[in-house]
Protein backbone atom coordinates (compact mmCIF):
# COMPACT_ATOMS: atom_id res chain seq x y z
CA UNK A 1 0.00 0.00 0.00
CA UNK A 2 2.86 2.37 0.81
CA UNK A 3 4.27 1.68 -2.67
CA UNK A 4 1.04 2.87 -4.30
CA UNK A 5 1.08 6.11 -2.28
CA UNK A 6 4.71 6.76 -3.20
CA UNK A 7 3.91 5.99 -6.83
CA UNK A 8 1.07 8.52 -6.88
CA UNK A 9 3.23 11.24 -5.29
CA UNK A 10 6.05 10.52 -7.75
CA UNK A 11 3.74 10.62 -10.77
CA UNK A 12 2.15 13.88 -9.59
CA UNK A 13 5.58 15.47 -9.16
CA UNK A 14 6.72 14.30 -12.59
CA UNK A 15 3.55 15.60 -14.22
CA UNK A 16 3.69 19.04 -12.58
CA UNK A 17 4.17 21.81 -15.15
CA UNK A 18 7.36 23.82 -15.11
CA UNK A 19 9.56 21.16 -13.56
CA UNK A 20 12.95 20.63 -15.12
CA UNK A 21 12.83 17.17 -16.60
CA UNK A 22 16.26 16.92 -18.16
CA UNK A 23 17.73 13.63 -17.05
CA UNK A 24 21.22 12.26 -17.57
CA UNK A 25 23.34 9.20 -16.97
CA UNK A 26 25.17 10.79 -14.02
CA UNK A 27 22.41 11.09 -11.41
CA UNK A 28 20.20 8.43 -9.78
CA UNK A 29 16.70 8.06 -11.19
CA UNK A 30 13.51 6.59 -9.84
CA UNK A 31 11.07 5.10 -12.33
CA UNK A 32 7.38 4.37 -11.81
CA UNK A 33 6.13 1.62 -14.11
CA UNK A 34 2.39 2.02 -14.62
CA UNK A 35 1.45 -0.28 -17.52
CA UNK A 36 2.79 -3.85 -17.66
CA UNK A 37 2.10 -6.33 -20.45
CA UNK A 38 2.87 -10.03 -20.81
CA UNK A 39 3.81 -10.58 -24.46
CA UNK A 40 4.90 -14.20 -24.04
CA UNK A 41 2.06 -15.61 -26.16
CA UNK A 42 0.50 -14.66 -29.46
CA UNK A 43 -0.51 -11.22 -28.21
CA UNK A 44 0.25 -8.86 -25.33
CA UNK A 45 -2.04 -8.93 -22.30
CA UNK A 46 -2.07 -6.30 -19.57
CA UNK A 47 -1.07 -7.79 -16.20
CA UNK A 48 -0.49 -6.66 -12.63
CA UNK A 49 3.23 -6.03 -12.07
CA UNK A 50 3.52 -8.10 -8.90
CA UNK A 51 1.79 -11.08 -10.58
CA UNK A 52 4.74 -11.39 -13.00
CA UNK A 53 7.42 -10.36 -10.47
CA UNK A 54 8.13 -6.97 -12.06
CA UNK A 55 8.61 -3.92 -9.81
CA UNK A 56 6.34 -0.89 -9.99
CA UNK A 57 9.21 1.29 -8.76
CA UNK A 58 12.83 1.06 -9.94
CA UNK A 59 15.94 2.91 -8.90
CA UNK A 60 18.69 3.33 -11.47
CA UNK A 61 21.97 4.35 -9.84
CA UNK A 62 24.62 5.12 -12.49
CA UNK A 63 27.44 5.59 -9.95
CA UNK A 64 26.79 2.28 -8.18
CA UNK A 65 25.90 0.71 -11.56
CA UNK A 66 22.75 -0.90 -10.18
CA UNK A 67 19.10 -1.31 -11.08
CA UNK A 68 16.99 -2.05 -7.96
CA UNK A 69 13.35 -2.63 -7.16
CA UNK A 70 11.95 -0.21 -4.58
CA UNK A 71 8.76 -2.21 -4.00
CA UNK A 72 8.46 -3.64 -0.50
CA UNK A 73 7.14 -6.89 -1.99
CA UNK A 74 10.37 -7.46 -3.93
CA UNK A 75 12.59 -6.59 -0.95
CA UNK A 76 15.05 -4.44 -2.90
CA UNK A 77 15.97 -7.10 -5.42
CA UNK A 78 18.14 -5.88 -8.20
CA UNK A 79 21.18 -6.33 -10.33
CA UNK A 80 24.50 -4.85 -11.28
CA UNK A 81 24.35 -3.17 -14.68
CA UNK A 82 26.02 -4.94 -17.59
CA UNK A 83 26.06 -1.63 -19.45
CA UNK A 84 24.75 1.93 -19.32
CA UNK A 85 24.57 4.05 -22.45
CA UNK A 86 23.66 7.69 -22.98
CA UNK A 87 23.17 8.42 -26.66
CA UNK A 88 21.07 10.94 -28.59
CA UNK A 89 18.94 11.84 -25.56
CA UNK A 90 18.17 8.22 -24.71
CA UNK A 91 19.48 6.47 -21.62
CA UNK A 92 19.78 2.68 -21.79
CA UNK A 93 20.51 0.34 -18.88
CA UNK A 94 21.07 -3.40 -19.37
CA UNK A 95 21.26 -5.99 -16.58
CA UNK A 96 20.70 -9.67 -15.79
CA UNK A 97 18.77 -11.15 -12.89
CA UNK A 98 19.11 -14.92 -12.94
CA UNK A 99 17.95 -16.06 -16.39
CA UNK A 100 16.13 -12.79 -17.03
CA UNK A 101 17.52 -9.96 -19.15
CA UNK A 102 16.42 -6.48 -18.01
CA UNK A 103 16.51 -3.43 -20.27
CA UNK A 104 15.42 0.05 -19.19
CA UNK A 105 15.23 2.81 -21.81
CA UNK A 106 14.54 6.41 -20.75
CA UNK A 107 13.93 9.50 -22.87
CA UNK A 108 16.06 12.11 -21.10
CA UNK A 109 13.93 15.04 -22.30
CA UNK A 110 10.52 13.72 -21.20
CA UNK A 111 11.33 11.04 -18.62
CA UNK A 112 9.21 8.48 -20.47
CA UNK A 113 10.43 4.95 -19.76
CA UNK A 114 10.22 1.57 -21.46
CA UNK A 115 11.25 -1.53 -19.47
CA UNK A 116 11.56 -5.07 -20.82
CA UNK A 117 12.12 -8.34 -19.03
CA UNK A 118 12.86 -11.43 -21.10
CA UNK A 119 14.08 -14.99 -20.76
CA UNK A 120 13.60 -18.12 -22.88
CA UNK A 121 9.92 -18.43 -21.90
CA UNK A 122 8.86 -14.91 -20.99
CA UNK A 123 8.56 -11.48 -22.56
CA UNK A 124 7.28 -8.61 -20.41
CA UNK A 125 6.98 -4.97 -21.46
CA UNK A 126 6.31 -2.07 -19.10
CA UNK A 127 5.81 1.66 -19.64
CA UNK A 128 6.23 4.45 -17.14
CA UNK A 129 8.02 7.64 -16.16
CA UNK A 130 11.41 8.37 -14.57
CA UNK A 131 12.62 11.39 -12.65
CA UNK A 132 15.66 12.55 -10.69
CA UNK A 133 15.96 11.10 -7.26
C-alpha cells in the first residue's frame, strides 16, 4: 500500500508543469512503471506487475551501476548493470537477474520509460516515467 502512495506522489511530481525534466546518466533516477504487459504468447495482455514479479518502482543508480526494485514486496531485489549508455537523448541500462535480461530505456527530455524483461519463456513490457531522485 505504501508503494502505491509513493507511486502517486512521484507521478504527480513528474507531471507538474514547469519542472525541469532533463535527465542524464550521471544522477540516480527513480522510475514508476504504470502499464505492464505479458507478451509471451501470441498477443500482449495487460497484467499486474507483482503477478509477474516486475517492480512498480525502480531505482537506477549510475554511480553504483545498479538497477533495484523499490517495491516492499520485492525486498530491494536488483542487479548490477552490464552496461549503461547515454546516446542521442536516450538512456539505456542493461542488466541480468538470474535467467532474465532487463533493459530500461529512458527519454532524457521527457522522462518516459520503457522496461523489458525477457528470458527463454517470458517477454514482459512495461511503460512508465522516470525522474531525478
